[in-house]
Amino acid sequence: MMEKNDESNMKLAIELSIKNIDENGGPFGAVIVKNGQIIARGVNRVTSNNDPTAHAEVNAIREASKKLGTFDLSGCTIYSSCEPCPMCLGAIYWAHIDKLYYANTKQDAKAIGFDDSFIYDELDLPKEKRKIPTIQLLHDEALEAFNKWRLKDNKIEY
């Protein structure tokens, strides 16, 4: 169900995406809202920051988490100018954001050169058939960290 401010929040995400093009960024913007208040904004800064993870949604999540002092963004809604890529969608789920609105589709993004379909295709392949060689190494040694975490009494679950 859409609320009164959903369209204005999406318009802001779209405005950010348009403005960011003139600021050496990609055509993507995102806004995070909690209790009707905008708490974070993000734009794509991949090329300007030389950071492949600096997508609008990830930048907005980072800002919201910092502002709220928590990694758990339950109760928040994110407005993205485009359907999130696999990385951003994963970040949205990890942040426990309650709702996602988007404007452009992944097909719209593909039409201008932002094609994430190869990632979806790779995830469906067995590891041995992926383009990036994916080899498990030192599994038994690595389990020490997981066992230590499992036994830790005062861990913060996420």
C-alpha atoms as a PDB file:
ATOM      1  CA  MET A   1       0.000   0.000   0.000  1.00  0.00           C
ATOM      2  CA  MET A   2       1.390   3.375  -1.022  1.00  0.00           C
ATOM      3  CA  GLU A   3       1.489   6.164   1.481  1.00  0.00           C
ATOM      4  CA  LYS A   4       1.139   9.900   1.001  1.00  0.00           C
ATOM      5  CA  ASN A   5       4.844  10.635   0.733  1.00  0.00           C
ATOM      6  CA  ASP A   6       5.877   7.624  -1.361  1.00  0.00           C
ATOM      7  CA  GLU A   7       5.713   9.541  -4.631  1.00  0.00           C
ATOM      8  CA  SER A   8       7.588  12.561  -3.241  1.00  0.00           C
ATOM      9  CA  ASN A   9      10.294  10.290  -1.805  1.00  0.00           C
ATOM     10  CA  MET A  10      10.637   8.534  -5.167  1.00  0.00           C
ATOM     11  CA  LYS A  11      10.770  11.892  -6.944  1.00  0.00           C
ATOM     12  CA  LEU A  12      13.683  12.840  -4.684  1.00  0.00           C
ATOM     13  CA  ALA A  13      15.526   9.608  -5.528  1.00  0.00           C
ATOM     14  CA  ILE A  14      14.971  10.332  -9.220  1.00  0.00           C
ATOM     15  CA  GLU A  15      16.140  13.955  -8.817  1.00  0.00           C
ATOM     16  CA  LEU A  16      19.299  12.692  -7.106  1.00  0.00           C
ATOM     17  CA  SER A  17      19.932  10.306 -10.015  1.00  0.00           C
ATOM     18  CA  ILE A  18      19.571  13.083 -12.587  1.00  0.00           C
ATOM     19  CA  LYS A  19      21.713  15.588 -10.661  1.00  0.00           C
ATOM     20  CA  ASN A  20      24.417  12.990 -10.037  1.00  0.00           C
ATOM     21  CA  ILE A  21      25.148  12.677 -13.751  1.00  0.00           C
ATOM     22  CA  ASP A  22      26.456  16.274 -13.727  1.00  0.00           C
ATOM     23  CA  GLU A  23      28.539  15.476 -10.632  1.00  0.00           C
ATOM     24  CA  ASN A  24      30.603  12.709 -12.265  1.00  0.00           C
ATOM     25  CA  GLY A  25      28.393   9.922 -10.978  1.00  0.00           C
ATOM     26  CA  GLY A  26      26.118   7.315 -12.458  1.00  0.00           C
ATOM     27  CA  PRO A  27      22.383   7.834 -13.068  1.00  0.00           C
ATOM     28  CA  PHE A  28      21.210   6.283  -9.811  1.00  0.00           C
ATOM     29  CA  GLY A  29      19.790   7.721  -6.582  1.00  0.00           C
ATOM     30  CA  ALA A  30      18.279   6.329  -3.412  1.00  0.00           C
ATOM     31  CA  VAL A  31      16.494   7.656  -0.343  1.00  0.00           C
ATOM     32  CA  ILE A  32      15.849   5.896   2.979  1.00  0.00           C
ATOM     33  CA  VAL A  33      12.905   6.921   5.135  1.00  0.00           C
ATOM     34  CA  LYS A  34      11.983   5.989   8.694  1.00  0.00           C
ATOM     35  CA  ASN A  35       8.823   7.125  10.473  1.00  0.00           C
ATOM     36  CA  GLY A  36       8.045   9.491   7.615  1.00  0.00           C
ATOM     37  CA  GLN A  37      11.426  11.243   7.840  1.00  0.00           C
ATOM     38  CA  ILE A  38      14.199  11.081   5.264  1.00  0.00           C
ATOM     39  CA  ILE A  39      17.232   9.777   7.122  1.00  0.00           C
ATOM     40  CA  ALA A  40      19.629   9.096   4.243  1.00  0.00           C
ATOM     41  CA  ARG A  41      20.313   9.795   0.605  1.00  0.00           C
ATOM     42  CA  GLY A  42      22.717   8.051  -1.702  1.00  0.00           C
ATOM     43  CA  VAL A  43      23.969   8.388  -5.242  1.00  0.00           C
ATOM     44  CA  ASN A  44      26.154   6.248  -7.440  1.00  0.00           C
ATOM     45  CA  ARG A  45      29.848   7.148  -6.935  1.00  0.00           C
ATOM     46  CA  VAL A  46      31.483   4.069  -8.494  1.00  0.00           C
ATOM     47  CA  THR A  47      33.690   5.880 -10.997  1.00  0.00           C
ATOM     48  CA  SER A  48      34.258   9.070  -9.031  1.00  0.00           C
ATOM     49  CA  ASN A  49      35.345   7.139  -5.903  1.00  0.00           C
ATOM     50  CA  ASN A  50      36.937   4.202  -7.745  1.00  0.00           C
ATOM     51  CA  ASP A  51      34.743   1.957  -5.606  1.00  0.00           C
ATOM     52  CA  PRO A  52      32.691  -0.761  -7.329  1.00  0.00           C
ATOM     53  CA  THR A  53      30.476  -1.025  -4.232  1.00  0.00           C
ATOM     54  CA  ALA A  54      29.565   2.684  -4.159  1.00  0.00           C
ATOM     55  CA  HIS A  55      26.078   2.199  -5.587  1.00  0.00           C
ATOM     56  CA  ALA A  56      23.300   4.578  -4.553  1.00  0.00           C
ATOM     57  CA  GLU A  57      21.506   2.047  -2.362  1.00  0.00           C
ATOM     58  CA  VAL A  58      24.682   0.923  -0.579  1.00  0.00           C
ATOM     59  CA  ASN A  59      25.716   4.538   0.031  1.00  0.00           C
ATOM     60  CA  ALA A  60      22.261   5.337   1.423  1.00  0.00           C
ATOM     61  CA  ILE A  61      22.383   2.250   3.678  1.00  0.00           C
ATOM     62  CA  ARG A  62      25.821   3.272   4.953  1.00  0.00           C
ATOM     63  CA  GLU A  63      24.577   6.779   5.744  1.00  0.00           C
ATOM     64  CA  ALA A  64      21.382   5.550   7.408  1.00  0.00           C
ATOM     65  CA  SER A  65      23.271   3.022   9.540  1.00  0.00           C
ATOM     66  CA  LYS A  66      25.755   5.668  10.624  1.00  0.00           C
ATOM     67  CA  LYS A  67      23.030   8.202  11.409  1.00  0.00           C
ATOM     68  CA  LEU A  68      20.898   5.700  13.345  1.00  0.00           C
ATOM     69  CA  GLY A  69      23.874   3.985  14.995  1.00  0.00           C
ATOM     70  CA  THR A  70      22.750   0.507  13.970  1.00  0.00           C
ATOM     71  CA  PHE A  71      23.181  -2.048  11.208  1.00  0.00           C
ATOM     72  CA  ASP A  72      19.503  -3.022  11.575  1.00  0.00           C
ATOM     73  CA  LEU A  73      17.333  -0.726   9.466  1.00  0.00           C
ATOM     74  CA  SER A  74      14.057  -2.396  10.368  1.00  0.00           C
ATOM     75  CA  GLY A  75      11.236   0.086  10.071  1.00  0.00           C
ATOM     76  CA  CYS A  76      12.853   1.785   7.084  1.00  0.00           C
ATOM     77  CA  THR A  77      11.759   2.066   3.472  1.00  0.00           C
ATOM     78  CA  ILE A  78      14.155   2.561   0.574  1.00  0.00           C
ATOM     79  CA  TYR A  79      13.269   4.387  -2.627  1.00  0.00           C
ATOM     80  CA  SER A  80      15.604   3.629  -5.507  1.00  0.00           C
ATOM     81  CA  SER A  81      15.580   5.324  -8.877  1.00  0.00           C
ATOM     82  CA  CYS A  82      16.222   1.894 -10.424  1.00  0.00           C
ATOM     83  CA  GLU A  83      15.541  -1.727  -9.572  1.00  0.00           C
ATOM     84  CA  PRO A  84      18.516  -2.722  -7.401  1.00  0.00           C
ATOM     85  CA  CYS A  85      21.346  -4.866  -8.716  1.00  0.00           C
ATOM     86  CA  PRO A  86      22.102  -8.172  -6.957  1.00  0.00           C
ATOM     87  CA  MET A  87      24.656  -6.543  -4.616  1.00  0.00           C
ATOM     88  CA  CYS A  88      22.282  -3.772  -3.583  1.00  0.00           C
ATOM     89  CA  LEU A  89      19.356  -6.134  -3.189  1.00  0.00           C
ATOM     90  CA  GLY A  90      21.506  -8.295  -0.929  1.00  0.00           C
ATOM     91  CA  ALA A  91      22.482  -5.226   1.112  1.00  0.00           C
ATOM     92  CA  ILE A  92      18.823  -4.223   1.434  1.00  0.00           C
ATOM     93  CA  TYR A  93      17.968  -7.663   2.790  1.00  0.00           C
ATOM     94  CA  TRP A  94      20.993  -7.709   5.142  1.00  0.00           C
ATOM     95  CA  ALA A  95      19.965  -4.277   6.472  1.00  0.00           C
ATOM     96  CA  HIS A  96      16.450  -5.617   7.228  1.00  0.00           C
ATOM     97  CA  ILE A  97      14.792  -2.761   5.344  1.00  0.00           C
ATOM     98  CA  ASP A  98      11.022  -3.261   5.410  1.00  0.00           C
ATOM     99  CA  LYS A  99      10.026  -2.087   1.948  1.00  0.00           C
ATOM    100  CA  LEU A 100      11.594  -1.273  -1.418  1.00  0.00           C
ATOM    101  CA  TYR A 101      10.174   1.016  -4.079  1.00  0.00           C
ATOM    102  CA  TYR A 102      11.934   1.424  -7.438  1.00  0.00           C
ATOM    103  CA  ALA A 103      11.322   3.420 -10.621  1.00  0.00           C
ATOM    104  CA  ASN A 104      13.403   2.204 -13.594  1.00  0.00           C
ATOM    105  CA  THR A 105      13.658  -1.539 -14.205  1.00  0.00           C
ATOM    106  CA  LYS A 106      16.773  -3.657 -14.625  1.00  0.00           C
ATOM    107  CA  GLN A 107      15.829  -3.896 -18.303  1.00  0.00           C
ATOM    108  CA  ASP A 108      15.876  -0.078 -18.523  1.00  0.00           C
ATOM    109  CA  ALA A 109      19.346  -0.103 -16.949  1.00  0.00           C
ATOM    110  CA  LYS A 110      20.530  -2.799 -19.350  1.00  0.00           C
ATOM    111  CA  ALA A 111      19.396  -0.666 -22.301  1.00  0.00           C
ATOM    112  CA  ILE A 112      21.880   2.079 -21.302  1.00  0.00           C
ATOM    113  CA  GLY A 113      24.800  -0.238 -20.524  1.00  0.00           C
ATOM    114  CA  PHE A 114      24.204  -1.223 -16.887  1.00  0.00           C
ATOM    115  CA  ASP A 115      23.614  -4.937 -17.393  1.00  0.00           C
ATOM    116  CA  ASP A 116      23.565  -7.122 -14.278  1.00  0.00           C
ATOM    117  CA  SER A 117      22.108 -10.183 -15.991  1.00  0.00           C
ATOM    118  CA  PHE A 118      25.553 -11.828 -16.162  1.00  0.00           C
ATOM    119  CA  ILE A 119      25.645 -11.877 -12.348  1.00  0.00           C
ATOM    120  CA  TYR A 120      22.264 -13.592 -12.119  1.00  0.00           C
ATOM    121  CA  ASP A 121      23.437 -16.045 -14.790  1.00  0.00           C
ATOM    122  CA  GLU A 122      26.674 -16.774 -12.895  1.00  0.00           C
ATOM    123  CA  LEU A 123      24.834 -17.427  -9.626  1.00  0.00           C
ATOM    124  CA  ASP A 124      22.767 -20.103 -11.346  1.00  0.00           C
ATOM    125  CA  LEU A 125      25.869 -21.965 -12.545  1.00  0.00           C
ATOM    126  CA  PRO A 126      27.732 -24.642 -10.587  1.00  0.00           C
ATOM    127  CA  LYS A 127      30.905 -23.116  -9.096  1.00  0.00           C
ATOM    128  CA  GLU A 128      33.147 -25.041 -11.473  1.00  0.00           C
ATOM    129  CA  LYS A 129      31.447 -23.445 -14.499  1.00  0.00           C
ATOM    130  CA  ARG A 130      31.634 -19.801 -13.376  1.00  0.00           C
ATOM    131  CA  LYS A 131      33.832 -17.291 -15.194  1.00  0.00           C
ATOM    132  CA  ILE A 132      35.733 -16.485 -12.004  1.00  0.00           C
ATOM    133  CA  PRO A 133      37.425 -19.670 -10.756  1.00  0.00           C
ATOM    134  CA  THR A 134      35.841 -20.464  -7.389  1.00  0.00           C
ATOM    135  CA  ILE A 135      37.866 -22.934  -5.324  1.00  0.00           C
ATOM    136  CA  GLN A 136      37.348 -23.938  -1.713  1.00  0.00           C
ATOM    137  CA  LEU A 137      40.584 -23.934   0.287  1.00  0.00           C
ATOM    138  CA  LEU A 138      41.449 -24.694   3.961  1.00  0.00           C
ATOM    139  CA  HIS A 139      37.880 -25.412   5.008  1.00  0.00           C
ATOM    140  CA  ASP A 140      38.792 -27.212   8.246  1.00  0.00           C
ATOM    141  CA  GLU A 141      41.075 -24.375   9.358  1.00  0.00           C
ATOM    142  CA  ALA A 142      38.433 -21.761   8.591  1.00  0.00           C
ATOM    143  CA  LEU A 143      35.815 -23.599  10.654  1.00  0.00           C
ATOM    144  CA  GLU A 144      37.719 -22.552  13.790  1.00  0.00           C
ATOM    145  CA  ALA A 145      36.327 -19.020  13.461  1.00  0.00           C
ATOM    146  CA  PHE A 146      32.773 -20.317  12.989  1.00  0.00           C
ATOM    147  CA  ASN A 147      33.057 -22.659  15.954  1.00  0.00           C
ATOM    148  CA  LYS A 148      34.428 -19.853  18.105  1.00  0.00           C
ATOM    149  CA  TRP A 149      31.524 -17.609  17.004  1.00  0.00           C
ATOM    150  CA  ARG A 150      28.971 -20.341  17.696  1.00  0.00           C
ATOM    151  CA  LEU A 151      30.279 -20.743  21.261  1.00  0.00           C
ATOM    152  CA  LYS A 152      30.567 -17.010  22.004  1.00  0.00           C
ATOM    153  CA  ASP A 153      28.090 -15.975  24.685  1.00  0.00           C
ATOM    154  CA  ASN A 154      27.988 -12.217  24.139  1.00  0.00           C
ATOM    155  CA  LYS A 155      27.778 -12.081  20.340  1.00  0.00           C
ATOM    156  CA  ILE A 156      25.558  -9.591  18.564  1.00  0.00           C
ATOM    157  CA  GLU A 157      23.364 -11.505  16.159  1.00  0.00           C
ATOM    158  CA  TYR A 158      22.663 -10.102  12.743  1.00  0.00           C
END
